Amino acid sequence: MSQLGFAIHTHKHTVSDATLKRFAKLAVANISDVMSRTNGTVDLRPFHKGGKILGRAFTVKTAPGDNLMVHKAIDMAAPGDVIVVDAGGPQRNAIIGEIMSTLAASRKIAGMVIDGPIRDVDSISKNKFPVFARSVSHRGPYKEGPGEINVTVSIDGMVVHPGDIIVGDDDGLFAIRPEGADALAKLVEAVEKKEKNILAQIAKGTLDRSWVDQALRAKGVLK
């Protein structure tokens, strides 16, 4: 079925497993620095027991408070996909809960990102299946539609295309376009190498902090 606002599309992923693997240990904060600190989410947070979310975006745009197309996405998504749901942001009805997250985990889906509320957080918080969401609501969803699968969506102001790399940790989430992923990973790896060197200098007591006074002199605070 395909009509305005109510459609199911297919998408062929282009991100290789090798490229995806490069992001497994990269911190979202460092990705943010490399991307000029202007991208990614700020209002979504992890509700699961802990651990990174990483996979290829399987996108869903749904009517606020309705999860019919999210159910279909769970049936369609491949192992390793992250189901990313644009549910309208701040709303009053939860989109998923314990049953849907458990079903998604059983199908080897890599996680779920919900720009909207979820429920059954006590259960979700005890499991490692990655669930990021905006808020919590005890009110359940409807199953009437409309909605669209594998379309470009907006998650907390972040544009997500089907097949984007989704990476997230306790600091937030990023959607990364496949064509620039390897170049980005290389830059982030360099930042993380530099940070490890700084931490080693702190441990040895050899870190040069002269830049602080130099910056203040340049602003006329110090002479």
Protein backbone atom coordinates (compact mmCIF):
# COMPACT_ATOMS: atom_id res chain seq x y z
CA MET A 1 0.00 0.00 0.00
CA SER A 2 1.24 3.46 -0.86
CA GLN A 3 -0.54 6.78 -0.43
CA LEU A 4 0.37 10.19 0.93
CA GLY A 5 1.45 9.79 4.55
CA PHE A 6 0.85 6.05 4.56
CA ALA A 7 3.55 4.08 2.71
CA ILE A 8 6.11 1.30 3.00
CA HIS A 9 9.38 1.63 1.09
CA THR A 10 12.38 -0.65 0.81
CA HIS A 11 15.99 0.40 1.17
CA LYS A 12 19.30 -1.27 0.33
CA HIS A 13 22.06 -0.56 2.83
CA THR A 14 25.43 0.67 1.58
CA VAL A 15 27.44 0.79 4.82
CA SER A 16 29.89 -2.10 5.08
CA ASP A 17 30.39 -4.08 8.27
CA ALA A 18 33.99 -2.86 8.37
CA THR A 19 32.94 0.79 8.31
CA LEU A 20 30.27 0.20 10.93
CA LYS A 21 32.77 -1.54 13.19
CA ARG A 22 35.02 1.55 13.23
CA PHE A 23 32.38 3.40 15.25
CA ALA A 24 31.98 0.70 17.89
CA LYS A 25 34.50 2.27 20.27
CA LEU A 26 34.24 5.93 19.27
CA ALA A 27 32.71 8.29 21.82
CA VAL A 28 29.76 10.44 20.78
CA ALA A 29 31.36 13.48 22.44
CA ASN A 30 34.40 13.13 20.18
CA ILE A 31 32.23 12.61 17.11
CA SER A 32 30.46 15.82 18.10
CA ASP A 33 33.73 17.73 18.33
CA VAL A 34 34.80 16.60 14.87
CA MET A 35 31.38 17.53 13.47
CA SER A 36 31.77 21.11 14.77
CA ARG A 37 29.45 20.52 17.76
CA THR A 38 26.36 21.39 15.73
CA ASN A 39 24.80 17.97 15.05
CA GLY A 40 23.26 15.08 16.92
CA THR A 41 20.52 14.83 19.55
CA VAL A 42 20.38 16.49 22.96
CA ASP A 43 16.94 15.60 24.34
CA LEU A 44 16.90 11.83 23.82
CA ARG A 45 18.45 9.57 26.44
CA PRO A 46 19.15 5.87 26.92
CA PHE A 47 16.70 3.88 29.03
CA HIS A 48 18.36 0.47 28.80
CA LYS A 49 20.80 -1.13 31.22
CA GLY A 50 23.82 0.35 29.51
CA GLY A 51 25.94 0.14 26.42
CA LYS A 52 26.28 1.76 23.03
CA ILE A 53 23.75 1.66 20.22
CA LEU A 54 25.22 1.05 16.77
CA GLY A 55 23.67 -0.01 13.50
CA ARG A 56 22.11 1.01 10.20
CA ALA A 57 19.03 3.22 10.35
CA PHE A 58 15.67 1.66 9.52
CA THR A 59 13.45 4.73 9.66
CA VAL A 60 9.81 5.14 10.58
CA LYS A 61 7.64 8.25 10.54
CA THR A 62 4.45 7.70 12.48
CA ALA A 63 1.45 9.67 13.60
CA PRO A 64 2.00 10.91 17.18
CA GLY A 65 0.79 8.31 19.63
CA ASP A 66 0.40 5.58 16.99
CA ASN A 67 2.69 2.57 16.50
CA LEU A 68 1.14 0.56 13.68
CA MET A 69 4.10 1.23 11.37
CA VAL A 70 6.57 0.55 14.19
CA HIS A 71 5.13 -2.95 14.46
CA LYS A 72 5.63 -3.38 10.72
CA ALA A 73 9.19 -2.07 11.02
CA ILE A 74 10.01 -4.76 13.59
CA ASP A 75 8.76 -7.37 11.11
CA MET A 76 10.79 -5.88 8.23
CA ALA A 77 14.07 -4.75 9.81
CA ALA A 78 17.17 -6.87 9.33
CA PRO A 79 19.52 -8.00 12.10
CA GLY A 80 21.85 -5.12 12.90
CA ASP A 81 19.35 -2.41 11.95
CA VAL A 82 18.40 0.33 14.38
CA ILE A 83 14.72 1.23 14.18
CA VAL A 84 14.55 5.03 14.27
CA VAL A 85 11.08 6.44 14.89
CA ASP A 86 9.97 10.01 14.30
CA ALA A 87 6.92 10.01 16.57
CA GLY A 88 6.44 13.75 16.76
CA GLY A 89 8.72 14.56 19.69
CA PRO A 90 7.05 15.57 22.98
CA GLN A 91 3.75 13.68 23.07
CA ARG A 92 1.43 11.98 25.56
CA ASN A 93 1.24 8.38 24.30
CA ALA A 94 4.06 5.85 24.46
CA ILE A 95 5.20 4.27 21.19
CA ILE A 96 6.87 1.12 22.51
CA GLY A 97 7.18 -0.81 25.75
CA GLU A 98 8.44 -4.12 27.08
CA ILE A 99 6.75 -6.39 24.53
CA MET A 100 7.89 -4.53 21.41
CA SER A 101 11.45 -4.02 22.65
CA THR A 102 11.67 -7.69 23.63
CA LEU A 103 10.39 -8.75 20.21
CA ALA A 104 12.89 -6.46 18.47
CA ALA A 105 15.74 -7.87 20.57
CA SER A 106 14.69 -11.44 19.71
CA ARG A 107 15.02 -10.57 16.02
CA LYS A 108 18.59 -9.28 16.49
CA ILE A 109 17.64 -5.68 15.81
CA ALA A 110 20.46 -3.47 17.11
CA GLY A 111 18.26 -1.06 19.05
CA MET A 112 15.40 1.43 18.90
CA VAL A 113 15.40 5.22 18.88
CA ILE A 114 12.05 6.84 19.65
CA ASP A 115 11.53 10.58 19.31
CA GLY A 116 8.55 10.34 21.62
CA PRO A 117 7.61 8.57 24.86
CA ILE A 118 8.06 4.94 25.84
CA ARG A 119 6.68 2.93 28.76
CA ASP A 120 7.55 -0.16 30.83
CA VAL A 121 10.81 1.55 31.71
CA ASP A 122 11.45 -0.66 34.74
CA SER A 123 11.69 -3.69 32.46
CA ILE A 124 13.61 -1.88 29.71
CA SER A 125 16.11 -0.54 32.25
CA LYS A 126 16.99 -4.08 33.33
CA ASN A 127 17.88 -5.22 29.82
CA LYS A 128 20.82 -4.48 27.54
CA PHE A 129 18.74 -4.05 24.38
CA PRO A 130 19.43 -0.41 23.44
CA VAL A 131 16.42 1.91 23.70
CA PHE A 132 16.79 5.67 23.37
CA ALA A 133 13.71 7.86 23.80
CA ARG A 134 12.57 11.37 24.62
CA SER A 135 10.32 10.70 27.61
CA VAL A 136 8.07 8.29 29.50
CA SER A 137 4.29 7.93 29.46
CA HIS A 138 2.04 5.23 30.91
CA ARG A 139 -0.51 5.95 28.16
CA GLY A 140 -0.40 3.31 25.46
CA PRO A 141 -0.37 3.83 21.68
CA TYR A 142 -3.02 3.52 19.00
CA LYS A 143 -2.68 1.29 15.94
CA GLU A 144 -4.45 3.12 13.17
CA GLY A 145 -1.70 4.97 11.27
CA PRO A 146 -0.82 6.81 9.19
CA GLY A 147 2.90 6.35 8.91
CA GLU A 148 5.79 5.74 6.53
CA ILE A 149 8.70 3.30 6.51
CA ASN A 150 12.17 4.00 5.10
CA VAL A 151 11.75 7.73 4.56
CA THR A 152 13.88 10.65 5.74
CA VAL A 153 12.89 11.60 9.30
CA SER A 154 13.75 14.21 11.92
CA ILE A 155 14.81 13.00 15.34
CA ASP A 156 15.18 15.78 17.91
CA GLY A 157 16.08 18.08 15.01
CA MET A 158 18.59 15.61 13.56
CA VAL A 159 17.91 14.47 10.00
CA VAL A 160 18.13 10.70 9.57
CA HIS A 161 18.11 8.95 6.19
CA PRO A 162 17.45 5.24 5.73
CA GLY A 163 20.79 3.45 5.95
CA ASP A 164 22.61 6.13 7.95
CA ILE A 165 24.98 4.91 10.65
CA ILE A 166 23.32 5.37 14.04
CA VAL A 167 25.74 5.58 16.95
CA GLY A 168 24.86 6.58 20.49
CA ASP A 169 26.04 6.43 24.08
CA ASP A 170 25.14 8.15 27.35
CA ASP A 171 26.00 11.54 25.80
CA GLY A 172 23.56 11.33 22.88
CA LEU A 173 23.04 10.07 19.35
CA PHE A 174 24.43 10.73 15.88
CA ALA A 175 23.27 9.84 12.39
CA ILE A 176 26.19 9.64 9.98
CA ARG A 177 25.92 9.54 6.20
CA PRO A 178 27.56 6.46 4.65
CA GLU A 179 29.58 8.37 2.04
CA GLY A 180 31.58 10.32 4.63
CA ALA A 181 31.72 7.72 7.37
CA ASP A 182 35.27 6.40 6.92
CA ALA A 183 36.76 9.89 6.67
CA LEU A 184 34.87 10.94 9.80
CA ALA A 185 35.97 7.85 11.71
CA LYS A 186 39.60 8.59 10.86
CA LEU A 187 39.32 12.11 12.27
CA VAL A 188 37.61 10.90 15.46
CA GLU A 189 40.23 8.21 15.94
CA ALA A 190 42.90 10.93 15.82
CA VAL A 191 41.03 12.94 18.47
CA GLU A 192 40.76 9.92 20.73
CA LYS A 193 44.47 9.19 20.33
CA LYS A 194 45.23 12.78 21.33
CA GLU A 195 42.96 12.55 24.37
CA LYS A 196 44.63 9.33 25.53
CA ASN A 197 47.97 11.13 25.32
CA ILE A 198 46.62 14.00 27.44
CA LEU A 199 45.32 11.60 30.07
CA ALA A 200 48.71 9.87 30.15
CA GLN A 201 50.41 13.23 30.72
CA ILE A 202 47.99 14.02 33.56
CA ALA A 203 48.84 10.70 35.19
CA LYS A 204 52.56 11.51 34.92
CA GLY A 205 52.15 15.12 36.07
CA THR A 206 53.70 16.45 32.85
CA LEU A 207 50.73 18.16 31.21
CA ASP A 208 51.54 21.63 29.87
CA ARG A 209 48.82 24.09 30.95
CA SER A 210 50.50 27.24 29.68
CA TRP A 211 47.80 27.69 27.04
CA VAL A 212 45.29 28.82 29.71
CA ASP A 213 47.27 31.92 30.68
CA GLN A 214 48.15 32.57 27.05
CA ALA A 215 44.43 32.63 26.19
CA LEU A 216 43.71 34.99 29.07
CA ARG A 217 46.52 37.32 28.06
CA ALA A 218 45.16 37.45 24.55
CA LYS A 219 41.83 38.59 26.03
CA GLY A 220 43.49 41.23 28.21
CA VAL A 221 42.66 39.48 31.48
CA LEU A 222 46.28 38.80 32.40
CA LYS A 223 49.41 40.81 31.71
